[in-house]
Amino acid sequence: MKLIDDLKQFYGDTTTEFKKISWPSRDEVKDSTIIVCTTIVFVMVVLGLYDTGIVTVANFAQKLFSK
């Protein structure tokens, strides 16, 4: 029954390691989540502005050279 012994060993090792983890507090998780969401929104706005600029330049170039 090596498989069962291995599974018991794995479960025991996993339980021991989980007890060693330093979990973040609720406030730390909330603060980190706010930072991540704010960063995502900022990057979305910047990429949207770049995209709009590139499309505008491409449309201008298309109109300029298609005549």
PDB file of N, CA and C in Angstrom:
ATOM      1  N   MET A   1       0.820  -1.179   0.000  1.00  0.00           N
ATOM      2  CA  MET A   1       0.000   0.000   0.000  1.00  0.00           C
ATOM      3  C   MET A   1       0.872   1.254   0.000  1.00  0.00           C
ATOM      4  N   LYS A   2       1.855   1.260  -0.860  1.00  0.00           N
ATOM      5  CA  LYS A   2       2.758   2.395  -0.947  1.00  0.00           C
ATOM      6  C   LYS A   2       2.020   3.662  -1.330  1.00  0.00           C
ATOM      7  N   LEU A   3       1.028   3.549  -2.195  1.00  0.00           N
ATOM      8  CA  LEU A   3       0.285   4.727  -2.629  1.00  0.00           C
ATOM      9  C   LEU A   3      -0.416   5.405  -1.450  1.00  0.00           C
ATOM     10  N   ILE A   4      -1.050   4.637  -0.613  1.00  0.00           N
ATOM     11  CA  ILE A   4      -1.753   5.193   0.546  1.00  0.00           C
ATOM     12  C   ILE A   4      -0.763   5.835   1.515  1.00  0.00           C
ATOM     13  N   ASP A   5       0.381   5.158   1.730  1.00  0.00           N
ATOM     14  CA  ASP A   5       1.413   5.733   2.605  1.00  0.00           C
ATOM     15  C   ASP A   5       1.954   7.044   2.026  1.00  0.00           C
ATOM     16  N   ASP A   6       2.154   7.075   0.703  1.00  0.00           N
ATOM     17  CA  ASP A   6       2.629   8.293   0.057  1.00  0.00           C
ATOM     18  C   ASP A   6       1.610   9.423   0.193  1.00  0.00           C
ATOM     19  N   LEU A   7       0.329   9.103   0.034  1.00  0.00           N
ATOM     20  CA  LEU A   7      -0.717  10.108   0.176  1.00  0.00           C
ATOM     21  C   LEU A   7      -0.795  10.637   1.607  1.00  0.00           C
ATOM     22  N   LYS A   8      -0.650   9.752   2.585  1.00  0.00           N
ATOM     23  CA  LYS A   8      -0.648  10.189   3.978  1.00  0.00           C
ATOM     24  C   LYS A   8       0.536  11.103   4.253  1.00  0.00           C
ATOM     25  N   GLN A   9       1.695  10.743   3.721  1.00  0.00           N
ATOM     26  CA  GLN A   9       2.897  11.555   3.888  1.00  0.00           C
ATOM     27  C   GLN A   9       2.708  12.926   3.230  1.00  0.00           C
ATOM     28  N   PHE A  10       2.167  12.920   2.026  1.00  0.00           N
ATOM     29  CA  PHE A  10       1.926  14.169   1.310  1.00  0.00           C
ATOM     30  C   PHE A  10       0.963  15.059   2.091  1.00  0.00           C
ATOM     31  N   TYR A  11      -0.118  14.506   2.585  1.00  0.00           N
ATOM     32  CA  TYR A  11      -1.103  15.266   3.358  1.00  0.00           C
ATOM     33  C   TYR A  11      -0.467  15.837   4.627  1.00  0.00           C
ATOM     34  N   GLY A  12       0.315  15.035   5.300  1.00  0.00           N
ATOM     35  CA  GLY A  12       0.989  15.500   6.517  1.00  0.00           C
ATOM     36  C   GLY A  12       1.972  16.619   6.224  1.00  0.00           C
ATOM     37  N   ASP A  13       2.750  16.462   5.166  1.00  0.00           N
ATOM     38  CA  ASP A  13       3.716  17.505   4.784  1.00  0.00           C
ATOM     39  C   ASP A  13       2.999  18.794   4.383  1.00  0.00           C
ATOM     40  N   THR A  14       1.912  18.638   3.648  1.00  0.00           N
ATOM     41  CA  THR A  14       1.150  19.810   3.209  1.00  0.00           C
ATOM     42  C   THR A  14       0.562  20.547   4.405  1.00  0.00           C
ATOM     43  N   THR A  15      -0.003  19.823   5.340  1.00  0.00           N
ATOM     44  CA  THR A  15      -0.575  20.431   6.539  1.00  0.00           C
ATOM     45  C   THR A  15       0.499  21.181   7.325  1.00  0.00           C
ATOM     46  N   THR A  16       1.665  20.578   7.463  1.00  0.00           N
ATOM     47  CA  THR A  16       2.766  21.220   8.177  1.00  0.00           C
ATOM     48  C   THR A  16       3.194  22.513   7.486  1.00  0.00           C
ATOM     49  N   GLU A  17       3.311  22.475   6.166  1.00  0.00           N
ATOM     50  CA  GLU A  17       3.729  23.661   5.421  1.00  0.00           C
ATOM     51  C   GLU A  17       2.676  24.766   5.494  1.00  0.00           C
ATOM     52  N   PHE A  18       1.400  24.410   5.455  1.00  0.00           N
ATOM     53  CA  PHE A  18       0.345  25.417   5.535  1.00  0.00           C
ATOM     54  C   PHE A  18       0.355  26.126   6.888  1.00  0.00           C
ATOM     55  N   LYS A  19       0.792  25.458   7.925  1.00  0.00           N
ATOM     56  CA  LYS A  19       0.868  26.089   9.240  1.00  0.00           C
ATOM     57  C   LYS A  19       2.009  27.108   9.297  1.00  0.00           C
ATOM     58  N   LYS A  20       2.999  26.980   8.417  1.00  0.00           N
ATOM     59  CA  LYS A  20       4.137  27.887   8.396  1.00  0.00           C
ATOM     60  C   LYS A  20       3.856  29.168   7.604  1.00  0.00           C
ATOM     61  N   ILE A  21       2.796  29.177   6.816  1.00  0.00           N
ATOM     62  CA  ILE A  21       2.500  30.319   5.947  1.00  0.00           C
ATOM     63  C   ILE A  21       2.066  31.516   6.781  1.00  0.00           C
ATOM     64  N   SER A  22       2.598  32.667   6.418  1.00  0.00           N
ATOM     65  CA  SER A  22       2.192  33.921   7.062  1.00  0.00           C
ATOM     66  C   SER A  22       1.137  34.574   6.157  1.00  0.00           C
ATOM     67  N   TRP A  23      -0.125  34.367   6.486  1.00  0.00           N
ATOM     68  CA  TRP A  23      -1.212  34.873   5.658  1.00  0.00           C
ATOM     69  C   TRP A  23      -1.381  36.369   5.880  1.00  0.00           C
ATOM     70  N   PRO A  24      -1.694  37.136   4.819  1.00  0.00           N
ATOM     71  CA  PRO A  24      -1.894  38.576   4.991  1.00  0.00           C
ATOM     72  C   PRO A  24      -3.198  38.859   5.732  1.00  0.00           C
ATOM     73  N   SER A  25      -3.228  40.005   6.386  1.00  0.00           N
ATOM     74  CA  SER A  25      -4.441  40.391   7.110  1.00  0.00           C
ATOM     75  C   SER A  25      -5.496  40.864   6.103  1.00  0.00           C
ATOM     76  N   ARG A  26      -6.715  41.005   6.583  1.00  0.00           N
ATOM     77  CA  ARG A  26      -7.809  41.465   5.731  1.00  0.00           C
ATOM     78  C   ARG A  26      -7.509  42.856   5.168  1.00  0.00           C
ATOM     79  N   ASP A  27      -6.943  43.737   5.994  1.00  0.00           N
ATOM     80  CA  ASP A  27      -6.613  45.094   5.542  1.00  0.00           C
ATOM     81  C   ASP A  27      -5.523  45.082   4.469  1.00  0.00           C
ATOM     82  N   GLU A  28      -4.527  44.212   4.628  1.00  0.00           N
ATOM     83  CA  GLU A  28      -3.476  44.107   3.614  1.00  0.00           C
ATOM     84  C   GLU A  28      -4.047  43.620   2.283  1.00  0.00           C
ATOM     85  N   VAL A  29      -4.940  42.655   2.340  1.00  0.00           N
ATOM     86  CA  VAL A  29      -5.563  42.140   1.115  1.00  0.00           C
ATOM     87  C   VAL A  29      -6.408  43.231   0.463  1.00  0.00           C
ATOM     88  N   LYS A  30      -7.174  43.976   1.273  1.00  0.00           N
ATOM     89  CA  LYS A  30      -8.013  45.049   0.744  1.00  0.00           C
ATOM     90  C   LYS A  30      -7.144  46.121   0.090  1.00  0.00           C
ATOM     91  N   ASP A  31      -6.080  46.544   0.766  1.00  0.00           N
ATOM     92  CA  ASP A  31      -5.194  47.576   0.215  1.00  0.00           C
ATOM     93  C   ASP A  31      -4.534  47.115  -1.080  1.00  0.00           C
ATOM     94  N   SER A  32      -4.063  45.874  -1.102  1.00  0.00           N
ATOM     95  CA  SER A  32      -3.428  45.340  -2.304  1.00  0.00           C
ATOM     96  C   SER A  32      -4.425  45.258  -3.456  1.00  0.00           C
ATOM     97  N   THR A  33      -5.660  44.862  -3.153  1.00  0.00           N
ATOM     98  CA  THR A  33      -6.688  44.766  -4.183  1.00  0.00           C
ATOM     99  C   THR A  33      -6.992  46.135  -4.778  1.00  0.00           C
ATOM    100  N   ILE A  34      -7.061  47.154  -3.923  1.00  0.00           N
ATOM    101  CA  ILE A  34      -7.316  48.513  -4.411  1.00  0.00           C
ATOM    102  C   ILE A  34      -6.167  48.984  -5.311  1.00  0.00           C
ATOM    103  N   ILE A  35      -4.945  48.695  -4.911  1.00  0.00           N
ATOM    104  CA  ILE A  35      -3.784  49.086  -5.719  1.00  0.00           C
ATOM    105  C   ILE A  35      -3.812  48.388  -7.076  1.00  0.00           C
ATOM    106  N   VAL A  36      -4.104  47.101  -7.084  1.00  0.00           N
ATOM    107  CA  VAL A  36      -4.147  46.341  -8.338  1.00  0.00           C
ATOM    108  C   VAL A  36      -5.247  46.867  -9.248  1.00  0.00           C
ATOM    109  N   CYS A  37      -6.439  47.085  -8.709  1.00  0.00           N
ATOM    110  CA  CYS A  37      -7.559  47.576  -9.521  1.00  0.00           C
ATOM    111  C   CYS A  37      -7.273  48.971 -10.071  1.00  0.00           C
ATOM    112  N   THR A  38      -6.687  49.840  -9.246  1.00  0.00           N
ATOM    113  CA  THR A  38      -6.331  51.178  -9.700  1.00  0.00           C
ATOM    114  C   THR A  38      -5.295  51.120 -10.813  1.00  0.00           C
ATOM    115  N   THR A  39      -4.307  50.265 -10.653  1.00  0.00           N
ATOM    116  CA  THR A  39      -3.282  50.111 -11.677  1.00  0.00           C
ATOM    117  C   THR A  39      -3.878  49.600 -12.983  1.00  0.00           C
ATOM    118  N   ILE A  40      -4.791  48.648 -12.900  1.00  0.00           N
ATOM    119  CA  ILE A  40      -5.438  48.106 -14.097  1.00  0.00           C
ATOM    120  C   ILE A  40      -6.214  49.195 -14.823  1.00  0.00           C
ATOM    121  N   VAL A  41      -6.981  49.994 -14.082  1.00  0.00           N
ATOM    122  CA  VAL A  41      -7.750  51.074 -14.700  1.00  0.00           C
ATOM    123  C   VAL A  41      -6.806  52.083 -15.355  1.00  0.00           C
ATOM    124  N   PHE A  42      -5.727  52.448 -14.670  1.00  0.00           N
ATOM    125  CA  PHE A  42      -4.758  53.394 -15.226  1.00  0.00           C
ATOM    126  C   PHE A  42      -4.160  52.862 -16.529  1.00  0.00           C
ATOM    127  N   VAL A  43      -3.752  51.610 -16.540  1.00  0.00           N
ATOM    128  CA  VAL A  43      -3.161  51.018 -17.748  1.00  0.00           C
ATOM    129  C   VAL A  43      -4.203  50.956 -18.867  1.00  0.00           C
ATOM    130  N   MET A  44      -5.453  50.643 -18.525  1.00  0.00           N
ATOM    131  CA  MET A  44      -6.510  50.620 -19.536  1.00  0.00           C
ATOM    132  C   MET A  44      -6.683  51.993 -20.181  1.00  0.00           C
ATOM    133  N   VAL A  45      -6.678  53.039 -19.368  1.00  0.00           N
ATOM    134  CA  VAL A  45      -6.839  54.396 -19.901  1.00  0.00           C
ATOM    135  C   VAL A  45      -5.659  54.764 -20.798  1.00  0.00           C
ATOM    136  N   VAL A  46      -4.445  54.483 -20.338  1.00  0.00           N
ATOM    137  CA  VAL A  46      -3.258  54.810 -21.130  1.00  0.00           C
ATOM    138  C   VAL A  46      -3.274  54.058 -22.460  1.00  0.00           C
ATOM    139  N   LEU A  47      -3.564  52.766 -22.431  1.00  0.00           N
ATOM    140  CA  LEU A  47      -3.602  51.992 -23.674  1.00  0.00           C
ATOM    141  C   LEU A  47      -4.728  52.464 -24.581  1.00  0.00           C
ATOM    142  N   GLY A  48      -5.853  52.842 -23.998  1.00  0.00           N
ATOM    143  CA  GLY A  48      -6.954  53.374 -24.801  1.00  0.00           C
ATOM    144  C   GLY A  48      -6.565  54.667 -25.497  1.00  0.00           C
ATOM    145  N   LEU A  49      -5.854  55.546 -24.780  1.00  0.00           N
ATOM    146  CA  LEU A  49      -5.393  56.797 -25.393  1.00  0.00           C
ATOM    147  C   LEU A  49      -4.381  56.529 -26.503  1.00  0.00           C
ATOM    148  N   TYR A  50      -3.441  55.607 -26.255  1.00  0.00           N
ATOM    149  CA  TYR A  50      -2.481  55.242 -27.305  1.00  0.00           C
ATOM    150  C   TYR A  50      -3.210  54.693 -28.528  1.00  0.00           C
ATOM    151  N   ASP A  51      -4.162  53.815 -28.298  1.00  0.00           N
ATOM    152  CA  ASP A  51      -4.911  53.205 -29.396  1.00  0.00           C
ATOM    153  C   ASP A  51      -5.656  54.267 -30.190  1.00  0.00           C
ATOM    154  N   THR A  52      -6.313  55.183 -29.482  1.00  0.00           N
ATOM    155  CA  THR A  52      -7.042  56.252 -30.161  1.00  0.00           C
ATOM    156  C   THR A  52      -6.090  57.112 -30.988  1.00  0.00           C
ATOM    157  N   GLY A  53      -4.944  57.419 -30.428  1.00  0.00           N
ATOM    158  CA  GLY A  53      -3.949  58.207 -31.154  1.00  0.00           C
ATOM    159  C   GLY A  53      -3.449  57.498 -32.393  1.00  0.00           C
ATOM    160  N   ILE A  54      -3.157  56.231 -32.281  1.00  0.00           N
ATOM    161  CA  ILE A  54      -2.650  55.468 -33.422  1.00  0.00           C
ATOM    162  C   ILE A  54      -3.711  55.368 -34.513  1.00  0.00           C
ATOM    163  N   VAL A  55      -4.953  55.122 -34.127  1.00  0.00           N
ATOM    164  CA  VAL A  55      -6.041  55.030 -35.112  1.00  0.00           C
ATOM    165  C   VAL A  55      -6.232  56.376 -35.804  1.00  0.00           C
ATOM    166  N   THR A  56      -6.169  57.462 -35.036  1.00  0.00           N
ATOM    167  CA  THR A  56      -6.318  58.793 -35.620  1.00  0.00           C
ATOM    168  C   THR A  56      -5.215  59.071 -36.627  1.00  0.00           C
ATOM    169  N   VAL A  57      -3.981  58.770 -36.279  1.00  0.00           N
ATOM    170  CA  VAL A  57      -2.854  58.988 -37.197  1.00  0.00           C
ATOM    171  C   VAL A  57      -3.000  58.095 -38.426  1.00  0.00           C
ATOM    172  N   ALA A  58      -3.397  56.847 -38.231  1.00  0.00           N
ATOM    173  CA  ALA A  58      -3.555  55.931 -39.365  1.00  0.00           C
ATOM    174  C   ALA A  58      -4.669  56.409 -40.294  1.00  0.00           C
ATOM    175  N   ASN A  59      -5.778  56.868 -39.745  1.00  0.00           N
ATOM    176  CA  ASN A  59      -6.866  57.378 -40.584  1.00  0.00           C
ATOM    177  C   ASN A  59      -6.442  58.627 -41.343  1.00  0.00           C
ATOM    178  N   PHE A  60      -5.701  59.504 -40.663  1.00  0.00           N
ATOM    179  CA  PHE A  60      -5.197  60.709 -41.326  1.00  0.00           C
ATOM    180  C   PHE A  60      -4.260  60.336 -42.478  1.00  0.00           C
ATOM    181  N   ALA A  61      -3.349  59.405 -42.226  1.00  0.00           N
ATOM    182  CA  ALA A  61      -2.404  58.977 -43.262  1.00  0.00           C
ATOM    183  C   ALA A  61      -3.146  58.321 -44.421  1.00  0.00           C
ATOM    184  N   GLN A  62      -4.160  57.553 -44.127  1.00  0.00           N
ATOM    185  CA  GLN A  62      -4.939  56.879 -45.169  1.00  0.00           C
ATOM    186  C   GLN A  62      -5.637  57.914 -46.052  1.00  0.00           C
ATOM    187  N   LYS A  63      -6.241  58.908 -45.438  1.00  0.00           N
ATOM    188  CA  LYS A  63      -6.924  59.956 -46.201  1.00  0.00           C
ATOM    189  C   LYS A  63      -5.914  60.795 -47.017  1.00  0.00           C
ATOM    190  N   LEU A  64      -4.750  61.022 -46.433  1.00  0.00           N
ATOM    191  CA  LEU A  64      -3.731  61.846 -47.077  1.00  0.00           C
ATOM    192  C   LEU A  64      -3.179  61.162 -48.321  1.00  0.00           C
ATOM    193  N   PHE A  65      -2.916  59.859 -48.235  1.00  0.00           N
ATOM    194  CA  PHE A  65      -2.274  59.151 -49.339  1.00  0.00           C
ATOM    195  C   PHE A  65      -3.251  58.467 -50.283  1.00  0.00           C
ATOM    196  N   SER A  66      -4.531  58.494 -49.991  1.00  0.00           N
ATOM    197  CA  SER A  66      -5.479  57.808 -50.868  1.00  0.00           C
ATOM    198  C   SER A  66      -6.016  58.734 -51.961  1.00  0.00           C
ATOM    199  N   LYS A  67      -5.660  59.994 -51.942  1.00  0.00           N
ATOM    200  CA  LYS A  67      -6.159  60.926 -52.954  1.00  0.00           C
ATOM    201  C   LYS A  67      -5.395  60.821 -54.226  1.00  0.00           C
TER     202      LYS A  67
END
